[in-house]
């Protein structure tokens, strides 16, 4: 399959497996240059393990701390018509590199908020580790549907006291804008029906 870049707003909706693997290897190389982490936990779980802080935490624990990890992420597999999500490719690249150094990573793909995934995660932790030494919570879930009530919650980061302006860039067309952000007006998330 030839992967063409597709961009919606400021988000690229396609990912390339070679680019993702290169990114993961570069992060690992950086961590290895920093040297080992003394007294690193050896049984580590990362919820939200496919990108950002979660992936970085998993890389540090494994490559600088000698830990075995279990990760949970909600990513899209490749199909005949679409590439996988970047996180899916990141997870596969991480697993390959970790296995090369004798670690045995486990990645669970699914909605970490679902009752089924919670149950599977607990069973796998008990099988693999018995117990955990460290749990990293690094989930980016802007929309979540409560499995019991069916209510949908949407989250957003907003300033506390007054309007703020930040920069937003979009790759296609290449431009930079300064959209305003309204201050937060509610102290609790507002449920929305499906």
N, C-alpha and C. Protein backbone atom coordinates (compact mmCIF):
# COMPACT_ATOMS: atom_id res chain seq x y z
N UNK A 1 0.84 -1.17 0.00
CA UNK A 1 0.00 0.00 0.00
C UNK A 1 0.90 1.24 0.00
N UNK A 2 0.56 2.22 -0.80
CA UNK A 2 1.25 3.50 -0.79
C UNK A 2 0.48 4.41 0.15
N UNK A 3 1.18 4.96 1.14
CA UNK A 3 0.52 5.79 2.14
C UNK A 3 0.70 7.26 1.77
N UNK A 4 -0.41 7.90 1.44
CA UNK A 4 -0.42 9.33 1.12
C UNK A 4 -0.83 10.10 2.37
N UNK A 5 -0.19 11.24 2.63
CA UNK A 5 -0.59 12.03 3.80
C UNK A 5 -2.02 12.57 3.64
N UNK A 6 -2.82 12.40 4.68
CA UNK A 6 -4.15 12.98 4.73
C UNK A 6 -4.22 13.81 5.99
N UNK A 7 -4.62 15.05 5.86
CA UNK A 7 -4.65 15.97 7.00
C UNK A 7 -6.05 16.52 7.17
N UNK A 8 -6.54 16.49 8.41
CA UNK A 8 -7.82 17.09 8.76
C UNK A 8 -7.54 18.14 9.83
N UNK A 9 -7.69 19.41 9.48
CA UNK A 9 -7.35 20.47 10.42
C UNK A 9 -5.85 20.47 10.68
N UNK A 10 -5.46 20.22 11.94
CA UNK A 10 -4.04 20.16 12.27
C UNK A 10 -3.60 18.72 12.57
N UNK A 11 -4.45 17.75 12.27
CA UNK A 11 -4.14 16.36 12.58
C UNK A 11 -3.90 15.58 11.29
N UNK A 12 -2.77 14.90 11.24
CA UNK A 12 -2.50 14.01 10.12
C UNK A 12 -3.19 12.69 10.44
N UNK A 13 -4.07 12.24 9.56
CA UNK A 13 -4.86 11.04 9.83
C UNK A 13 -4.22 9.77 9.28
N UNK A 14 -3.06 9.89 8.65
CA UNK A 14 -2.34 8.72 8.17
C UNK A 14 -1.00 8.64 8.88
N UNK A 15 -0.46 7.45 8.97
CA UNK A 15 0.84 7.25 9.61
C UNK A 15 1.63 6.24 8.78
N UNK A 16 2.93 6.34 8.84
CA UNK A 16 3.78 5.43 8.09
C UNK A 16 4.55 4.56 9.07
N UNK A 17 4.53 3.23 8.90
CA UNK A 17 5.18 2.34 9.86
C UNK A 17 6.68 2.58 9.99
N UNK A 18 7.35 2.91 8.89
CA UNK A 18 8.80 3.14 8.96
C UNK A 18 9.10 4.41 9.75
N UNK A 19 8.32 5.45 9.52
CA UNK A 19 8.50 6.70 10.27
C UNK A 19 8.26 6.51 11.75
N UNK A 20 7.22 5.77 12.10
CA UNK A 20 6.93 5.51 13.51
C UNK A 20 8.03 4.69 14.16
N UNK A 21 8.52 3.66 13.46
CA UNK A 21 9.60 2.82 14.00
C UNK A 21 10.86 3.64 14.19
N UNK A 22 11.15 4.53 13.25
CA UNK A 22 12.32 5.39 13.36
C UNK A 22 12.19 6.29 14.58
N UNK A 23 11.01 6.86 14.78
CA UNK A 23 10.77 7.72 15.94
C UNK A 23 11.00 6.95 17.24
N UNK A 24 10.48 5.74 17.34
CA UNK A 24 10.64 4.94 18.55
C UNK A 24 12.12 4.62 18.78
N UNK A 25 12.83 4.22 17.73
CA UNK A 25 14.27 3.91 17.87
C UNK A 25 15.08 5.14 18.30
N UNK A 26 14.70 6.32 17.78
CA UNK A 26 15.40 7.55 18.18
C UNK A 26 15.16 7.86 19.66
N UNK A 27 13.94 7.64 20.13
CA UNK A 27 13.67 7.85 21.56
C UNK A 27 14.46 6.88 22.41
N UNK A 28 14.53 5.62 21.97
CA UNK A 28 15.31 4.61 22.70
C UNK A 28 16.78 5.01 22.74
N UNK A 29 17.32 5.45 21.61
CA UNK A 29 18.74 5.86 21.55
C UNK A 29 19.01 7.00 22.52
N UNK A 30 18.10 7.95 22.59
CA UNK A 30 18.27 9.08 23.51
C UNK A 30 18.29 8.58 24.96
N UNK A 31 17.36 7.70 25.30
CA UNK A 31 17.28 7.16 26.66
C UNK A 31 18.56 6.39 27.00
N UNK A 32 19.04 5.58 26.08
CA UNK A 32 20.26 4.81 26.33
C UNK A 32 21.46 5.72 26.57
N UNK A 33 21.53 6.86 25.89
CA UNK A 33 22.63 7.81 26.09
C UNK A 33 22.61 8.41 27.49
N UNK A 34 21.44 8.47 28.11
CA UNK A 34 21.32 9.07 29.44
C UNK A 34 21.83 8.12 30.54
N UNK A 35 21.96 6.85 30.22
CA UNK A 35 22.44 5.87 31.20
C UNK A 35 21.30 5.22 31.94
N UNK A 36 21.63 4.18 32.72
CA UNK A 36 20.58 3.44 33.43
C UNK A 36 19.94 4.25 34.56
N UNK A 37 18.70 3.88 34.89
CA UNK A 37 17.97 4.47 36.01
C UNK A 37 18.12 3.52 37.19
N UNK A 38 18.72 4.01 38.26
CA UNK A 38 18.91 3.18 39.46
C UNK A 38 17.56 2.94 40.13
N UNK A 39 17.39 1.77 40.67
CA UNK A 39 16.18 1.41 41.42
C UNK A 39 14.89 1.61 40.64
N UNK A 40 14.92 1.37 39.37
CA UNK A 40 13.72 1.50 38.54
C UNK A 40 12.76 0.34 38.85
N UNK A 41 11.47 0.63 38.95
CA UNK A 41 10.50 -0.45 39.13
C UNK A 41 10.62 -1.47 38.00
N UNK A 42 10.42 -2.73 38.29
CA UNK A 42 10.61 -3.78 37.28
C UNK A 42 9.32 -4.31 36.68
N UNK A 43 8.19 -4.04 37.31
CA UNK A 43 6.89 -4.49 36.80
C UNK A 43 6.02 -3.24 36.61
N UNK A 44 5.95 -2.79 35.37
CA UNK A 44 5.36 -1.49 35.09
C UNK A 44 4.18 -1.62 34.13
N UNK A 45 3.09 -0.94 34.45
CA UNK A 45 1.93 -0.85 33.55
C UNK A 45 1.78 0.59 33.12
N UNK A 46 1.48 0.78 31.84
CA UNK A 46 1.28 2.12 31.30
C UNK A 46 -0.08 2.16 30.60
N UNK A 47 -0.99 2.94 31.14
CA UNK A 47 -2.30 3.14 30.52
C UNK A 47 -2.18 4.36 29.62
N UNK A 48 -2.33 4.13 28.33
CA UNK A 48 -2.09 5.18 27.35
C UNK A 48 -0.64 5.12 26.90
N UNK A 49 -0.23 3.96 26.38
CA UNK A 49 1.20 3.66 26.15
C UNK A 49 1.70 3.94 24.75
N UNK A 50 0.87 4.42 23.84
CA UNK A 50 1.25 4.42 22.42
C UNK A 50 1.95 5.67 21.92
N UNK A 51 1.81 6.78 22.59
CA UNK A 51 2.46 8.03 22.16
C UNK A 51 2.77 8.89 23.38
N UNK A 52 3.44 9.99 23.17
CA UNK A 52 3.64 10.99 24.21
C UNK A 52 4.29 10.47 25.47
N UNK A 53 3.77 10.95 26.61
CA UNK A 53 4.34 10.58 27.91
C UNK A 53 4.25 9.09 28.18
N UNK A 54 3.17 8.47 27.73
CA UNK A 54 3.01 7.03 27.96
C UNK A 54 4.08 6.22 27.26
N UNK A 55 4.31 6.50 25.98
CA UNK A 55 5.35 5.79 25.24
C UNK A 55 6.72 6.10 25.84
N UNK A 56 6.96 7.36 26.17
CA UNK A 56 8.25 7.74 26.76
C UNK A 56 8.46 7.02 28.09
N UNK A 57 7.43 6.92 28.91
CA UNK A 57 7.54 6.22 30.19
C UNK A 57 7.88 4.76 29.99
N UNK A 58 7.25 4.17 29.01
CA UNK A 58 7.48 2.75 28.72
C UNK A 58 8.90 2.52 28.22
N UNK A 59 9.39 3.43 27.37
CA UNK A 59 10.75 3.32 26.85
C UNK A 59 11.76 3.46 27.97
N UNK A 60 11.59 4.46 28.84
CA UNK A 60 12.54 4.66 29.95
C UNK A 60 12.53 3.46 30.88
N UNK A 61 11.34 3.00 31.25
CA UNK A 61 11.26 1.85 32.17
C UNK A 61 11.96 0.63 31.58
N UNK A 62 11.76 0.38 30.31
CA UNK A 62 12.32 -0.81 29.67
C UNK A 62 13.81 -0.68 29.37
N UNK A 63 14.20 0.42 28.72
CA UNK A 63 15.56 0.51 28.21
C UNK A 63 16.55 1.14 29.19
N UNK A 64 16.07 1.91 30.15
CA UNK A 64 16.97 2.47 31.16
C UNK A 64 16.81 1.77 32.50
N UNK A 65 15.66 1.11 32.68
CA UNK A 65 15.41 0.50 33.98
C UNK A 65 15.32 -1.01 33.96
N UNK A 66 15.34 -1.63 32.79
CA UNK A 66 15.27 -3.08 32.70
C UNK A 66 13.94 -3.66 33.11
N UNK A 67 12.87 -2.89 32.96
CA UNK A 67 11.55 -3.35 33.38
C UNK A 67 10.84 -4.10 32.26
N UNK A 68 9.95 -4.99 32.65
CA UNK A 68 8.98 -5.55 31.73
C UNK A 68 7.72 -4.71 31.89
N UNK A 69 7.02 -4.50 30.79
CA UNK A 69 5.86 -3.61 30.84
C UNK A 69 4.64 -4.25 30.21
N UNK A 70 3.50 -3.76 30.69
CA UNK A 70 2.22 -4.06 30.05
C UNK A 70 1.60 -2.71 29.73
N UNK A 71 1.16 -2.55 28.50
CA UNK A 71 0.59 -1.28 28.09
C UNK A 71 -0.83 -1.46 27.59
N UNK A 72 -1.62 -0.40 27.72
CA UNK A 72 -2.98 -0.38 27.19
C UNK A 72 -3.13 0.85 26.32
N UNK A 73 -3.66 0.66 25.13
CA UNK A 73 -3.94 1.81 24.26
C UNK A 73 -5.08 1.46 23.31
N UNK A 74 -5.75 2.49 22.84
CA UNK A 74 -6.85 2.33 21.91
C UNK A 74 -6.38 2.84 20.56
N UNK A 75 -5.97 1.94 19.70
CA UNK A 75 -5.40 2.30 18.41
C UNK A 75 -6.07 1.54 17.29
N UNK A 76 -5.91 2.05 16.09
CA UNK A 76 -6.52 1.45 14.91
C UNK A 76 -5.51 0.60 14.15
N UNK A 77 -5.86 -0.66 13.89
CA UNK A 77 -5.01 -1.55 13.09
C UNK A 77 -5.07 -1.13 11.62
N UNK A 78 -4.07 -1.54 10.83
CA UNK A 78 -4.13 -1.24 9.40
C UNK A 78 -5.21 -2.10 8.73
N UNK A 79 -5.73 -1.59 7.63
CA UNK A 79 -6.67 -2.36 6.81
C UNK A 79 -6.16 -2.29 5.37
N UNK A 80 -6.88 -2.89 4.47
CA UNK A 80 -6.48 -2.86 3.06
C UNK A 80 -6.52 -1.44 2.51
N UNK A 81 -7.39 -0.59 3.06
CA UNK A 81 -7.57 0.76 2.52
C UNK A 81 -6.93 1.86 3.35
N UNK A 82 -6.60 1.57 4.62
CA UNK A 82 -6.09 2.63 5.50
C UNK A 82 -4.87 2.14 6.26
N UNK A 83 -3.99 3.09 6.54
CA UNK A 83 -2.86 2.76 7.40
C UNK A 83 -3.36 2.66 8.84
N UNK A 84 -2.57 2.06 9.68
CA UNK A 84 -2.91 2.02 11.10
C UNK A 84 -2.69 3.41 11.68
N UNK A 85 -3.11 3.59 12.92
CA UNK A 85 -2.80 4.84 13.61
C UNK A 85 -1.32 4.84 13.97
N UNK A 86 -0.76 6.02 14.18
CA UNK A 86 0.66 6.12 14.57
C UNK A 86 0.92 5.33 15.85
N UNK A 87 0.00 5.40 16.78
CA UNK A 87 0.18 4.68 18.05
C UNK A 87 0.27 3.17 17.86
N UNK A 88 -0.50 2.64 16.93
CA UNK A 88 -0.45 1.19 16.67
C UNK A 88 0.94 0.81 16.16
N UNK A 89 1.47 1.61 15.21
CA UNK A 89 2.82 1.34 14.70
C UNK A 89 3.87 1.55 15.80
N UNK A 90 3.68 2.56 16.64
CA UNK A 90 4.61 2.79 17.74
C UNK A 90 4.66 1.58 18.68
N UNK A 91 3.49 1.05 19.00
CA UNK A 91 3.44 -0.11 19.89
C UNK A 91 4.19 -1.30 19.30
N UNK A 92 3.98 -1.56 18.00
CA UNK A 92 4.67 -2.69 17.37
C UNK A 92 6.18 -2.46 17.37
N UNK A 93 6.63 -1.24 17.05
CA UNK A 93 8.06 -0.94 17.03
C UNK A 93 8.66 -1.08 18.42
N UNK A 94 7.95 -0.61 19.44
CA UNK A 94 8.43 -0.74 20.82
C UNK A 94 8.60 -2.22 21.18
N UNK A 95 7.60 -3.03 20.88
CA UNK A 95 7.66 -4.46 21.20
C UNK A 95 8.86 -5.13 20.54
N UNK A 96 9.10 -4.83 19.28
CA UNK A 96 10.23 -5.43 18.55
C UNK A 96 11.55 -5.06 19.22
N UNK A 97 11.72 -3.77 19.54
CA UNK A 97 12.97 -3.31 20.14
C UNK A 97 13.15 -3.87 21.56
N UNK A 98 12.07 -3.95 22.32
CA UNK A 98 12.15 -4.48 23.69
C UNK A 98 12.51 -5.97 23.68
N UNK A 99 11.94 -6.72 22.75
CA UNK A 99 12.24 -8.15 22.64
C UNK A 99 13.70 -8.38 22.26
N UNK A 100 14.29 -7.46 21.48
CA UNK A 100 15.70 -7.59 21.09
C UNK A 100 16.63 -7.57 22.30
N UNK A 101 16.22 -6.91 23.40
CA UNK A 101 17.08 -6.85 24.58
C UNK A 101 16.60 -7.82 25.68
N UNK A 102 15.74 -8.75 25.29
CA UNK A 102 15.32 -9.78 26.22
C UNK A 102 14.15 -9.43 27.12
N UNK A 103 13.47 -8.34 26.88
CA UNK A 103 12.29 -7.98 27.66
C UNK A 103 11.08 -8.64 27.01
N UNK A 104 10.00 -8.75 27.76
CA UNK A 104 8.79 -9.35 27.20
C UNK A 104 7.60 -8.41 27.40
N UNK A 105 7.47 -7.42 26.51
CA UNK A 105 6.36 -6.47 26.64
C UNK A 105 5.03 -7.08 26.23
N UNK A 106 3.97 -6.56 26.79
CA UNK A 106 2.62 -6.98 26.42
C UNK A 106 1.80 -5.72 26.20
N UNK A 107 1.14 -5.65 25.05
CA UNK A 107 0.29 -4.50 24.76
C UNK A 107 -1.14 -4.98 24.55
N UNK A 108 -2.06 -4.38 25.28
CA UNK A 108 -3.48 -4.67 25.13
C UNK A 108 -4.11 -3.52 24.34
N UNK A 109 -4.75 -3.85 23.24
CA UNK A 109 -5.38 -2.83 22.41
C UNK A 109 -6.87 -2.81 22.71
N UNK A 110 -7.35 -1.67 23.18
CA UNK A 110 -8.77 -1.53 23.45
C UNK A 110 -9.05 -0.34 24.34
N UNK A 111 -10.31 -0.11 24.62
CA UNK A 111 -10.76 1.01 25.42
C UNK A 111 -10.51 0.72 26.90
N UNK A 112 -9.57 1.43 27.48
CA UNK A 112 -9.19 1.20 28.88
C UNK A 112 -10.32 1.50 29.84
N UNK A 113 -11.32 2.26 29.40
CA UNK A 113 -12.46 2.57 30.27
C UNK A 113 -13.53 1.48 30.26
N UNK A 114 -13.46 0.56 29.31
CA UNK A 114 -14.50 -0.46 29.22
C UNK A 114 -14.32 -1.51 30.32
N UNK A 115 -15.43 -2.05 30.77
CA UNK A 115 -15.38 -3.08 31.82
C UNK A 115 -14.59 -4.30 31.33
N UNK A 116 -14.76 -4.65 30.05
CA UNK A 116 -14.06 -5.81 29.49
C UNK A 116 -12.53 -5.62 29.54
N UNK A 117 -12.06 -4.42 29.17
CA UNK A 117 -10.62 -4.17 29.18
C UNK A 117 -10.08 -4.11 30.61
N UNK A 118 -10.83 -3.52 31.51
CA UNK A 118 -10.39 -3.47 32.91
C UNK A 118 -10.18 -4.89 33.45
N UNK A 119 -11.13 -5.76 33.15
CA UNK A 119 -11.06 -7.15 33.60
C UNK A 119 -9.86 -7.86 32.96
N UNK A 120 -9.69 -7.70 31.64
CA UNK A 120 -8.58 -8.32 30.92
C UNK A 120 -7.25 -7.81 31.46
N UNK A 121 -7.15 -6.50 31.69
CA UNK A 121 -5.92 -5.90 32.20
C UNK A 121 -5.55 -6.50 33.56
N UNK A 122 -6.51 -6.58 34.46
CA UNK A 122 -6.24 -7.13 35.79
C UNK A 122 -5.79 -8.58 35.70
N UNK A 123 -6.47 -9.37 34.87
CA UNK A 123 -6.07 -10.78 34.69
C UNK A 123 -4.65 -10.89 34.15
N UNK A 124 -4.33 -10.08 33.15
CA UNK A 124 -2.99 -10.13 32.54
C UNK A 124 -1.91 -9.67 33.50
N UNK A 125 -2.19 -8.65 34.30
CA UNK A 125 -1.22 -8.20 35.31
C UNK A 125 -0.96 -9.32 36.30
N UNK A 126 -2.01 -9.96 36.76
CA UNK A 126 -1.84 -11.07 37.71
C UNK A 126 -1.04 -12.21 37.10
N UNK A 127 -1.33 -12.55 35.83
CA UNK A 127 -0.59 -13.62 35.13
C UNK A 127 0.88 -13.28 34.96
N UNK A 128 1.14 -12.08 34.47
CA UNK A 128 2.49 -11.68 34.07
C UNK A 128 3.35 -11.26 35.25
N UNK A 129 2.77 -10.50 36.18
CA UNK A 129 3.57 -9.89 37.25
C UNK A 129 3.19 -10.32 38.66
N UNK A 130 1.97 -10.75 38.87
CA UNK A 130 1.50 -10.97 40.23
C UNK A 130 0.99 -9.66 40.79
N UNK A 131 1.86 -8.67 40.79
CA UNK A 131 1.48 -7.32 41.21
C UNK A 131 2.35 -6.32 40.45
N UNK A 132 1.98 -5.05 40.54
CA UNK A 132 2.73 -4.00 39.86
C UNK A 132 3.64 -3.25 40.83
N UNK A 133 4.74 -2.74 40.29
CA UNK A 133 5.60 -1.84 41.05
C UNK A 133 5.28 -0.38 40.72
N UNK A 134 4.75 -0.16 39.50
CA UNK A 134 4.45 1.20 39.05
C UNK A 134 3.32 1.16 38.03
N UNK A 135 2.39 2.11 38.16
CA UNK A 135 1.32 2.31 37.19
C UNK A 135 1.42 3.74 36.69
N UNK A 136 1.56 3.89 35.37
CA UNK A 136 1.62 5.21 34.75
C UNK A 136 0.28 5.44 34.06
N UNK A 137 -0.39 6.54 34.41
CA UNK A 137 -1.67 6.90 33.80
C UNK A 137 -1.41 8.05 32.84
N UNK A 138 -1.50 7.76 31.56
CA UNK A 138 -1.19 8.77 30.54
C UNK A 138 -2.20 8.70 29.41
N UNK A 139 -3.45 8.84 29.75
CA UNK A 139 -4.49 8.65 28.75
C UNK A 139 -5.01 9.97 28.23
N UNK A 140 -5.13 10.02 26.94
CA UNK A 140 -5.72 11.18 26.28
C UNK A 140 -7.09 10.74 25.78
N UNK A 141 -8.10 11.05 26.53
CA UNK A 141 -9.44 10.62 26.17
C UNK A 141 -10.37 11.84 26.15
N UNK A 142 -10.39 12.58 25.05
CA UNK A 142 -11.23 13.77 25.01
C UNK A 142 -12.72 13.45 25.01
N UNK A 143 -13.08 12.25 24.58
CA UNK A 143 -14.48 11.82 24.59
C UNK A 143 -14.55 10.44 25.23
N UNK A 144 -15.41 10.30 26.21
CA UNK A 144 -15.56 9.01 26.87
C UNK A 144 -17.04 8.76 27.13
N UNK A 145 -17.48 7.55 26.80
CA UNK A 145 -18.86 7.16 27.07
C UNK A 145 -18.86 6.21 28.26
N UNK A 146 -19.62 6.57 29.27
CA UNK A 146 -19.73 5.73 30.46
C UNK A 146 -20.45 4.44 30.07
N UNK A 147 -19.81 3.26 30.28
CA UNK A 147 -20.43 2.02 29.83
C UNK A 147 -21.70 1.66 30.59
N UNK A 148 -21.87 2.19 31.80
CA UNK A 148 -23.05 1.86 32.59
C UNK A 148 -24.24 2.76 32.27
N UNK A 149 -23.98 4.06 32.06
CA UNK A 149 -25.08 5.00 31.85
C UNK A 149 -25.28 5.38 30.39
N UNK A 150 -24.25 5.19 29.56
CA UNK A 150 -24.34 5.59 28.16
C UNK A 150 -24.11 7.08 27.94
N UNK A 151 -23.85 7.84 29.03
CA UNK A 151 -23.60 9.27 28.89
C UNK A 151 -22.20 9.48 28.32
N UNK A 152 -22.09 10.48 27.45
CA UNK A 152 -20.81 10.82 26.84
C UNK A 152 -20.25 12.06 27.52
N UNK A 153 -18.98 12.00 27.91
CA UNK A 153 -18.30 13.11 28.53
C UNK A 153 -17.23 13.61 27.57
N UNK A 154 -17.11 14.91 27.45
CA UNK A 154 -16.09 15.53 26.60
C UNK A 154 -15.20 16.38 27.50
N UNK A 155 -13.90 16.24 27.33
CA UNK A 155 -12.99 17.03 28.15
C UNK A 155 -12.18 17.96 27.27
N UNK A 156 -11.78 19.06 27.84
CA UNK A 156 -10.96 20.03 27.14
C UNK A 156 -10.15 20.80 28.18
N UNK A 157 -8.96 21.18 27.84
CA UNK A 157 -8.14 21.99 28.74
C UNK A 157 -8.44 23.45 28.44
N UNK A 158 -8.82 24.19 29.48
CA UNK A 158 -9.14 25.60 29.31
C UNK A 158 -8.45 26.43 30.39
N UNK A 159 -8.24 27.72 30.11
CA UNK A 159 -7.67 28.59 31.14
C UNK A 159 -8.67 28.78 32.27
N UNK A 160 -8.18 29.10 33.47
CA UNK A 160 -9.06 29.21 34.63
C UNK A 160 -9.76 30.56 34.77
N UNK A 161 -9.06 31.66 34.54
CA UNK A 161 -9.64 32.94 34.92
C UNK A 161 -10.07 33.82 33.75
N UNK A 162 -9.33 33.83 32.67
CA UNK A 162 -9.65 34.76 31.59
C UNK A 162 -9.35 34.12 30.24
N UNK A 163 -9.80 34.80 29.18
CA UNK A 163 -9.52 34.30 27.83
C UNK A 163 -8.02 34.28 27.60
N UNK A 164 -7.58 33.32 26.84
CA UNK A 164 -6.16 33.28 26.49
C UNK A 164 -6.04 33.07 24.99
N UNK A 165 -4.85 33.34 24.48
CA UNK A 165 -4.61 33.13 23.06
C UNK A 165 -3.36 32.28 22.93
N UNK A 166 -3.44 31.29 22.09
CA UNK A 166 -2.30 30.42 21.84
C UNK A 166 -2.13 30.28 20.34
N UNK A 167 -1.06 29.66 19.94
CA UNK A 167 -0.84 29.46 18.52
C UNK A 167 -1.29 28.05 18.12
N UNK A 168 -1.88 27.98 16.95
CA UNK A 168 -2.27 26.69 16.39
C UNK A 168 -1.73 26.64 14.97
N UNK A 169 -1.07 25.55 14.65
CA UNK A 169 -0.56 25.43 13.28
C UNK A 169 -1.27 24.31 12.56
N UNK A 170 -1.42 24.49 11.27
CA UNK A 170 -2.00 23.46 10.42
C UNK A 170 -1.01 23.18 9.30
N UNK A 171 -0.72 21.90 9.06
CA UNK A 171 0.27 21.58 8.04
C UNK A 171 -0.20 21.79 6.61
N UNK A 172 -1.48 21.62 6.34
CA UNK A 172 -2.00 21.79 4.97
C UNK A 172 -3.31 22.55 5.00
N UNK A 173 -3.42 23.75 4.56
CA UNK A 173 -2.31 24.56 4.08
C UNK A 173 -1.46 25.02 5.25
N UNK A 174 -0.19 25.24 5.00
CA UNK A 174 0.73 25.64 6.06
C UNK A 174 0.37 27.05 6.54
N UNK A 175 -0.04 27.13 7.79
CA UNK A 175 -0.37 28.44 8.36
C UNK A 175 -0.38 28.35 9.88
N UNK A 176 -0.34 29.50 10.49
CA UNK A 176 -0.36 29.58 11.94
C UNK A 176 -1.43 30.59 12.32
N UNK A 177 -2.28 30.25 13.27
CA UNK A 177 -3.34 31.16 13.70
C UNK A 177 -3.34 31.27 15.21
N UNK A 178 -4.10 32.24 15.71
CA UNK A 178 -4.18 32.46 17.16
C UNK A 178 -5.65 32.43 17.58
N UNK A 179 -6.25 31.25 17.73
CA UNK A 179 -7.66 31.20 18.13
C UNK A 179 -7.83 31.55 19.61
N UNK A 180 -8.87 32.28 19.97
CA UNK A 180 -9.10 32.58 21.38
C UNK A 180 -9.65 31.36 22.11
N UNK A 181 -9.42 31.29 23.41
CA UNK A 181 -9.95 30.22 24.23
C UNK A 181 -10.70 30.85 25.38
N UNK A 182 -11.96 30.46 25.54
CA UNK A 182 -12.77 31.00 26.62
C UNK A 182 -12.39 30.36 27.94
N UNK A 183 -12.53 31.12 29.05
CA UNK A 183 -12.20 30.52 30.35
C UNK A 183 -13.20 29.44 30.73
N UNK A 184 -12.77 28.56 31.60
CA UNK A 184 -13.62 27.50 32.09
C UNK A 184 -14.73 28.12 32.92
N UNK A 185 -15.94 27.62 32.75
CA UNK A 185 -17.07 28.19 33.50
C UNK A 185 -17.71 27.16 34.43
N UNK A 186 -17.36 25.89 34.27
CA UNK A 186 -17.94 24.85 35.12
C UNK A 186 -16.82 24.14 35.86
N UNK A 187 -17.09 23.70 37.07
CA UNK A 187 -16.06 23.00 37.83
C UNK A 187 -16.09 21.49 37.59
N UNK A 188 -17.18 20.97 37.05
CA UNK A 188 -17.30 19.53 36.80
C UNK A 188 -17.55 19.29 35.32
N UNK A 189 -17.13 18.12 34.82
CA UNK A 189 -17.43 17.81 33.42
C UNK A 189 -18.93 17.74 33.20
N UNK A 190 -19.38 18.20 32.04
CA UNK A 190 -20.78 18.20 31.73
C UNK A 190 -21.11 16.96 30.92
N UNK A 191 -22.02 16.10 31.39
CA UNK A 191 -22.38 14.91 30.61
C UNK A 191 -23.20 15.31 29.39
N UNK A 192 -22.99 14.57 28.32
CA UNK A 192 -23.77 14.76 27.11
C UNK A 192 -24.36 13.44 26.70
N UNK A 193 -25.60 13.44 26.34
CA UNK A 193 -26.24 12.20 25.89
C UNK A 193 -25.76 11.85 24.49
N UNK A 194 -25.81 10.57 24.18
CA UNK A 194 -25.41 10.09 22.85
C UNK A 194 -26.21 10.68 21.76
